[in-house]
């Protein structure tokens, strides 16, 4: 089982008891504002998401980690690697992403988890490059992307929802962790 510990977090595979807290995160309009069309997701949709994320671990050897607080064991969201199949022009890439519950914003958890994920991509999965896809205007994600040292590469449009996306990338052979 893949598990990563940072000073404050544990990044791990998903457990059955993660469903309810992740569904609560997905039900928060503030969290979901920048995701897809901005719609919140319910319990059934979250269960389908977690099942898909776990399947990606089996198929690709990487996926989205559940992120929990080291001290309390509380689930605060996810971070990890995935193939961005929703965006055909980037479907051959590996993207890093994160989603953190709003009550945990502003404490650096997203950046801490994302840094650990980049190190995992480089050291454990031997990836040469990782991208990040974010909506234009999502300044919180832009801040994490800057902290990761990712460089702007191009802008594009979401094929289903039509909003502007920004793609950043980092060549992991030059990553300075």
C-alpha atoms as a PDB file:
ATOM      1  CA  UNK A   1       0.000   0.000   0.000  1.00  0.00           C
ATOM      2  CA  UNK A   2       1.368   3.378  -0.995  1.00  0.00           C
ATOM      3  CA  UNK A   3       1.564   5.926   1.802  1.00  0.00           C
ATOM      4  CA  UNK A   4       3.476   9.190   2.087  1.00  0.00           C
ATOM      5  CA  UNK A   5       4.012  11.146   5.282  1.00  0.00           C
ATOM      6  CA  UNK A   6       4.798  14.829   5.377  1.00  0.00           C
ATOM      7  CA  UNK A   7       5.335  16.900   8.533  1.00  0.00           C
ATOM      8  CA  UNK A   8       1.555  17.373   8.929  1.00  0.00           C
ATOM      9  CA  UNK A   9      -0.166  14.986   6.526  1.00  0.00           C
ATOM     10  CA  UNK A  10      -0.585  11.383   5.451  1.00  0.00           C
ATOM     11  CA  UNK A  11      -1.231  10.735   1.758  1.00  0.00           C
ATOM     12  CA  UNK A  12      -2.709   7.270   1.337  1.00  0.00           C
ATOM     13  CA  UNK A  13      -5.081   5.065  -0.608  1.00  0.00           C
ATOM     14  CA  UNK A  14      -8.813   5.391   0.023  1.00  0.00           C
ATOM     15  CA  UNK A  15     -10.702   3.661   2.858  1.00  0.00           C
ATOM     16  CA  UNK A  16     -14.440   2.979   3.061  1.00  0.00           C
ATOM     17  CA  UNK A  17     -14.863   5.521   5.850  1.00  0.00           C
ATOM     18  CA  UNK A  18     -13.475   8.285   3.592  1.00  0.00           C
ATOM     19  CA  UNK A  19     -16.695   8.447   1.577  1.00  0.00           C
ATOM     20  CA  UNK A  20     -18.767  10.642   3.915  1.00  0.00           C
ATOM     21  CA  UNK A  21     -16.079  13.267   4.618  1.00  0.00           C
ATOM     22  CA  UNK A  22     -15.108  13.454   0.928  1.00  0.00           C
ATOM     23  CA  UNK A  23     -18.781  13.808  -0.001  1.00  0.00           C
ATOM     24  CA  UNK A  24     -19.024  16.701   2.481  1.00  0.00           C
ATOM     25  CA  UNK A  25     -16.060  18.383   0.761  1.00  0.00           C
ATOM     26  CA  UNK A  26     -17.631  17.812  -2.672  1.00  0.00           C
ATOM     27  CA  UNK A  27     -20.960  19.244  -1.431  1.00  0.00           C
ATOM     28  CA  UNK A  28     -19.364  22.620  -0.597  1.00  0.00           C
ATOM     29  CA  UNK A  29     -20.027  25.154  -3.387  1.00  0.00           C
ATOM     30  CA  UNK A  30     -16.880  27.095  -2.424  1.00  0.00           C
ATOM     31  CA  UNK A  31     -14.737  24.008  -2.966  1.00  0.00           C
ATOM     32  CA  UNK A  32     -16.430  23.043  -6.225  1.00  0.00           C
ATOM     33  CA  UNK A  33     -16.555  26.542  -7.711  1.00  0.00           C
ATOM     34  CA  UNK A  34     -13.541  25.914  -9.979  1.00  0.00           C
ATOM     35  CA  UNK A  35     -14.222  22.225 -10.728  1.00  0.00           C
ATOM     36  CA  UNK A  36     -15.880  21.285 -14.036  1.00  0.00           C
ATOM     37  CA  UNK A  37     -19.082  23.362 -14.261  1.00  0.00           C
ATOM     38  CA  UNK A  38     -19.018  24.293 -10.566  1.00  0.00           C
ATOM     39  CA  UNK A  39     -21.727  21.829  -9.535  1.00  0.00           C
ATOM     40  CA  UNK A  40     -21.519  20.163  -6.156  1.00  0.00           C
ATOM     41  CA  UNK A  41     -21.332  16.386  -6.015  1.00  0.00           C
ATOM     42  CA  UNK A  42     -23.413  14.106  -3.821  1.00  0.00           C
ATOM     43  CA  UNK A  43     -22.658  10.901  -1.976  1.00  0.00           C
ATOM     44  CA  UNK A  44     -23.279   8.593  -4.955  1.00  0.00           C
ATOM     45  CA  UNK A  45     -21.149  10.712  -7.295  1.00  0.00           C
ATOM     46  CA  UNK A  46     -18.360  10.856  -4.716  1.00  0.00           C
ATOM     47  CA  UNK A  47     -18.491   7.067  -4.325  1.00  0.00           C
ATOM     48  CA  UNK A  48     -18.139   6.738  -8.115  1.00  0.00           C
ATOM     49  CA  UNK A  49     -15.209   9.183  -8.048  1.00  0.00           C
ATOM     50  CA  UNK A  50     -13.371   7.247  -5.346  1.00  0.00           C
ATOM     51  CA  UNK A  51     -13.968   3.976  -7.193  1.00  0.00           C
ATOM     52  CA  UNK A  52     -12.556   5.521 -10.402  1.00  0.00           C
ATOM     53  CA  UNK A  53      -9.558   6.935  -8.514  1.00  0.00           C
ATOM     54  CA  UNK A  54      -8.789   3.534  -7.025  1.00  0.00           C
ATOM     55  CA  UNK A  55      -9.110   1.887 -10.461  1.00  0.00           C
ATOM     56  CA  UNK A  56      -6.563   4.378 -11.815  1.00  0.00           C
ATOM     57  CA  UNK A  57      -4.128   3.235  -9.128  1.00  0.00           C
ATOM     58  CA  UNK A  58      -4.572  -0.329 -10.389  1.00  0.00           C
ATOM     59  CA  UNK A  59      -4.368   0.625 -14.079  1.00  0.00           C
ATOM     60  CA  UNK A  60      -1.666   3.320 -14.053  1.00  0.00           C
ATOM     61  CA  UNK A  61       0.356   2.710 -10.900  1.00  0.00           C
ATOM     62  CA  UNK A  62      -0.585   6.150  -9.586  1.00  0.00           C
ATOM     63  CA  UNK A  63      -3.748   7.960  -8.629  1.00  0.00           C
ATOM     64  CA  UNK A  64      -5.329  10.376  -6.224  1.00  0.00           C
ATOM     65  CA  UNK A  65      -4.332  10.032  -2.589  1.00  0.00           C
ATOM     66  CA  UNK A  66      -6.715  10.600   0.284  1.00  0.00           C
ATOM     67  CA  UNK A  67      -5.115  13.320   2.423  1.00  0.00           C
ATOM     68  CA  UNK A  68      -5.527  13.160   6.176  1.00  0.00           C
ATOM     69  CA  UNK A  69      -4.175  15.254   9.001  1.00  0.00           C
ATOM     70  CA  UNK A  70      -1.343  13.420  10.712  1.00  0.00           C
ATOM     71  CA  UNK A  71      -2.402  14.424  14.214  1.00  0.00           C
ATOM     72  CA  UNK A  72      -6.140  13.786  14.091  1.00  0.00           C
ATOM     73  CA  UNK A  73      -6.614  11.349  11.190  1.00  0.00           C
ATOM     74  CA  UNK A  74      -9.259  13.690   9.745  1.00  0.00           C
ATOM     75  CA  UNK A  75      -9.726  13.487   5.950  1.00  0.00           C
ATOM     76  CA  UNK A  76      -9.135  16.936   4.456  1.00  0.00           C
ATOM     77  CA  UNK A  77      -9.352  16.140   0.723  1.00  0.00           C
ATOM     78  CA  UNK A  78      -7.168  14.647  -1.981  1.00  0.00           C
ATOM     79  CA  UNK A  79      -4.065  15.205  -4.026  1.00  0.00           C
ATOM     80  CA  UNK A  80      -2.368  13.038  -6.575  1.00  0.00           C
ATOM     81  CA  UNK A  81      -1.648  12.145 -10.159  1.00  0.00           C
ATOM     82  CA  UNK A  82      -4.081  11.262 -12.931  1.00  0.00           C
ATOM     83  CA  UNK A  83      -4.401  11.116 -16.682  1.00  0.00           C
ATOM     84  CA  UNK A  84      -6.565  14.102 -17.731  1.00  0.00           C
ATOM     85  CA  UNK A  85      -8.823  12.191 -20.111  1.00  0.00           C
ATOM     86  CA  UNK A  86     -11.395  15.024 -20.098  1.00  0.00           C
ATOM     87  CA  UNK A  87      -8.923  17.138 -22.114  1.00  0.00           C
ATOM     88  CA  UNK A  88      -7.978  15.270 -25.304  1.00  0.00           C
ATOM     89  CA  UNK A  89      -4.963  17.476 -26.052  1.00  0.00           C
ATOM     90  CA  UNK A  90      -3.436  16.488 -22.698  1.00  0.00           C
ATOM     91  CA  UNK A  91      -4.679  12.890 -22.427  1.00  0.00           C
ATOM     92  CA  UNK A  92      -1.127  11.619 -23.004  1.00  0.00           C
ATOM     93  CA  UNK A  93       0.152  13.565 -19.964  1.00  0.00           C
ATOM     94  CA  UNK A  94       0.077  13.025 -16.206  1.00  0.00           C
ATOM     95  CA  UNK A  95      -1.519  15.822 -14.203  1.00  0.00           C
ATOM     96  CA  UNK A  96      -1.238  16.714 -10.547  1.00  0.00           C
ATOM     97  CA  UNK A  97      -4.382  17.913  -8.821  1.00  0.00           C
ATOM     98  CA  UNK A  98      -5.782  18.564  -5.374  1.00  0.00           C
ATOM     99  CA  UNK A  99      -9.018  19.382  -3.613  1.00  0.00           C
ATOM    100  CA  UNK A 100      -8.975  20.476   0.013  1.00  0.00           C
ATOM    101  CA  UNK A 101     -11.983  21.138   2.252  1.00  0.00           C
ATOM    102  CA  UNK A 102     -12.643  24.858   2.730  1.00  0.00           C
ATOM    103  CA  UNK A 103     -12.204  24.673   6.509  1.00  0.00           C
ATOM    104  CA  UNK A 104      -8.562  23.712   5.836  1.00  0.00           C
ATOM    105  CA  UNK A 105      -7.759  26.480   3.349  1.00  0.00           C
ATOM    106  CA  UNK A 106      -5.011  28.989   4.005  1.00  0.00           C
ATOM    107  CA  UNK A 107      -2.847  26.618   6.043  1.00  0.00           C
ATOM    108  CA  UNK A 108      -0.549  25.360   3.283  1.00  0.00           C
ATOM    109  CA  UNK A 109      -1.929  21.822   3.230  1.00  0.00           C
ATOM    110  CA  UNK A 110      -2.558  21.816  -0.533  1.00  0.00           C
ATOM    111  CA  UNK A 111       1.005  22.892  -1.323  1.00  0.00           C
ATOM    112  CA  UNK A 112       2.484  20.456   1.220  1.00  0.00           C
ATOM    113  CA  UNK A 113       0.526  17.538  -0.229  1.00  0.00           C
ATOM    114  CA  UNK A 114       1.288  18.584  -3.815  1.00  0.00           C
ATOM    115  CA  UNK A 115       5.046  18.853  -3.104  1.00  0.00           C
ATOM    116  CA  UNK A 116       5.017  15.324  -1.704  1.00  0.00           C
ATOM    117  CA  UNK A 117       3.105  14.156  -4.774  1.00  0.00           C
ATOM    118  CA  UNK A 118       5.701  15.666  -7.128  1.00  0.00           C
ATOM    119  CA  UNK A 119       8.454  13.902  -5.223  1.00  0.00           C
ATOM    120  CA  UNK A 120       6.454  10.669  -5.517  1.00  0.00           C
ATOM    121  CA  UNK A 121       6.122  11.225  -9.282  1.00  0.00           C
ATOM    122  CA  UNK A 122       9.876  11.697  -9.653  1.00  0.00           C
ATOM    123  CA  UNK A 123      11.280   9.200  -7.177  1.00  0.00           C
ATOM    124  CA  UNK A 124       8.713   6.406  -7.099  1.00  0.00           C
ATOM    125  CA  UNK A 125       7.070   6.566 -10.513  1.00  0.00           C
ATOM    126  CA  UNK A 126      10.029   7.836 -12.563  1.00  0.00           C
ATOM    127  CA  UNK A 127       7.933  10.333 -14.482  1.00  0.00           C
ATOM    128  CA  UNK A 128       9.790  12.905 -16.579  1.00  0.00           C
ATOM    129  CA  UNK A 129       7.103  15.561 -16.573  1.00  0.00           C
ATOM    130  CA  UNK A 130       3.921  16.535 -14.753  1.00  0.00           C
ATOM    131  CA  UNK A 131       1.320  19.113 -15.716  1.00  0.00           C
ATOM    132  CA  UNK A 132      -1.339  20.980 -13.795  1.00  0.00           C
ATOM    133  CA  UNK A 133      -4.623  22.124 -15.324  1.00  0.00           C
ATOM    134  CA  UNK A 134      -6.509  24.945 -13.627  1.00  0.00           C
ATOM    135  CA  UNK A 135      -9.266  27.361 -14.487  1.00  0.00           C
ATOM    136  CA  UNK A 136      -8.223  30.912 -15.178  1.00  0.00           C
ATOM    137  CA  UNK A 137      -9.123  32.996 -12.154  1.00  0.00           C
ATOM    138  CA  UNK A 138      -8.575  30.230  -9.586  1.00  0.00           C
ATOM    139  CA  UNK A 139      -5.948  32.128  -7.609  1.00  0.00           C
ATOM    140  CA  UNK A 140      -5.681  29.573  -4.789  1.00  0.00           C
ATOM    141  CA  UNK A 141      -4.662  26.874  -7.268  1.00  0.00           C
ATOM    142  CA  UNK A 142      -2.386  29.327  -9.081  1.00  0.00           C
ATOM    143  CA  UNK A 143      -0.567  29.928  -5.780  1.00  0.00           C
ATOM    144  CA  UNK A 144       0.014  26.201  -5.267  1.00  0.00           C
ATOM    145  CA  UNK A 145       1.185  25.861  -8.865  1.00  0.00           C
ATOM    146  CA  UNK A 146       3.731  28.660  -8.315  1.00  0.00           C
ATOM    147  CA  UNK A 147       4.968  27.031  -5.103  1.00  0.00           C
ATOM    148  CA  UNK A 148       5.524  23.811  -7.050  1.00  0.00           C
ATOM    149  CA  UNK A 149       7.764  25.650  -9.499  1.00  0.00           C
ATOM    150  CA  UNK A 150       5.556  24.841 -12.472  1.00  0.00           C
ATOM    151  CA  UNK A 151       5.878  27.068 -15.524  1.00  0.00           C
ATOM    152  CA  UNK A 152       2.978  28.342 -17.655  1.00  0.00           C
ATOM    153  CA  UNK A 153       2.789  26.408 -20.886  1.00  0.00           C
ATOM    154  CA  UNK A 154      -0.438  27.275 -22.665  1.00  0.00           C
ATOM    155  CA  UNK A 155      -4.071  28.208 -22.325  1.00  0.00           C
ATOM    156  CA  UNK A 156      -6.903  26.187 -23.738  1.00  0.00           C
ATOM    157  CA  UNK A 157     -10.660  25.771 -23.389  1.00  0.00           C
ATOM    158  CA  UNK A 158     -12.488  23.078 -21.458  1.00  0.00           C
ATOM    159  CA  UNK A 159     -14.035  20.900 -24.197  1.00  0.00           C
ATOM    160  CA  UNK A 160     -17.309  20.339 -22.335  1.00  0.00           C
ATOM    161  CA  UNK A 161     -17.855  23.484 -20.253  1.00  0.00           C
ATOM    162  CA  UNK A 162     -16.158  26.095 -22.434  1.00  0.00           C
ATOM    163  CA  UNK A 163     -14.226  27.948 -19.754  1.00  0.00           C
ATOM    164  CA  UNK A 164     -10.589  28.966 -20.091  1.00  0.00           C
ATOM    165  CA  UNK A 165      -7.965  26.650 -18.669  1.00  0.00           C
ATOM    166  CA  UNK A 166      -4.301  27.219 -17.958  1.00  0.00           C
ATOM    167  CA  UNK A 167      -1.799  24.398 -18.315  1.00  0.00           C
ATOM    168  CA  UNK A 168       1.427  24.558 -16.344  1.00  0.00           C
ATOM    169  CA  UNK A 169       4.229  21.998 -16.467  1.00  0.00           C
ATOM    170  CA  UNK A 170       7.379  20.959 -14.714  1.00  0.00           C
ATOM    171  CA  UNK A 171      10.172  18.822 -16.084  1.00  0.00           C
ATOM    172  CA  UNK A 172      10.885  16.539 -13.179  1.00  0.00           C
ATOM    173  CA  UNK A 173      14.530  16.069 -14.189  1.00  0.00           C
ATOM    174  CA  UNK A 174      14.976  19.695 -13.102  1.00  0.00           C
ATOM    175  CA  UNK A 175      12.663  19.588 -10.081  1.00  0.00           C
ATOM    176  CA  UNK A 176      14.315  21.035  -6.992  1.00  0.00           C
ATOM    177  CA  UNK A 177      11.833  19.767  -4.358  1.00  0.00           C
END
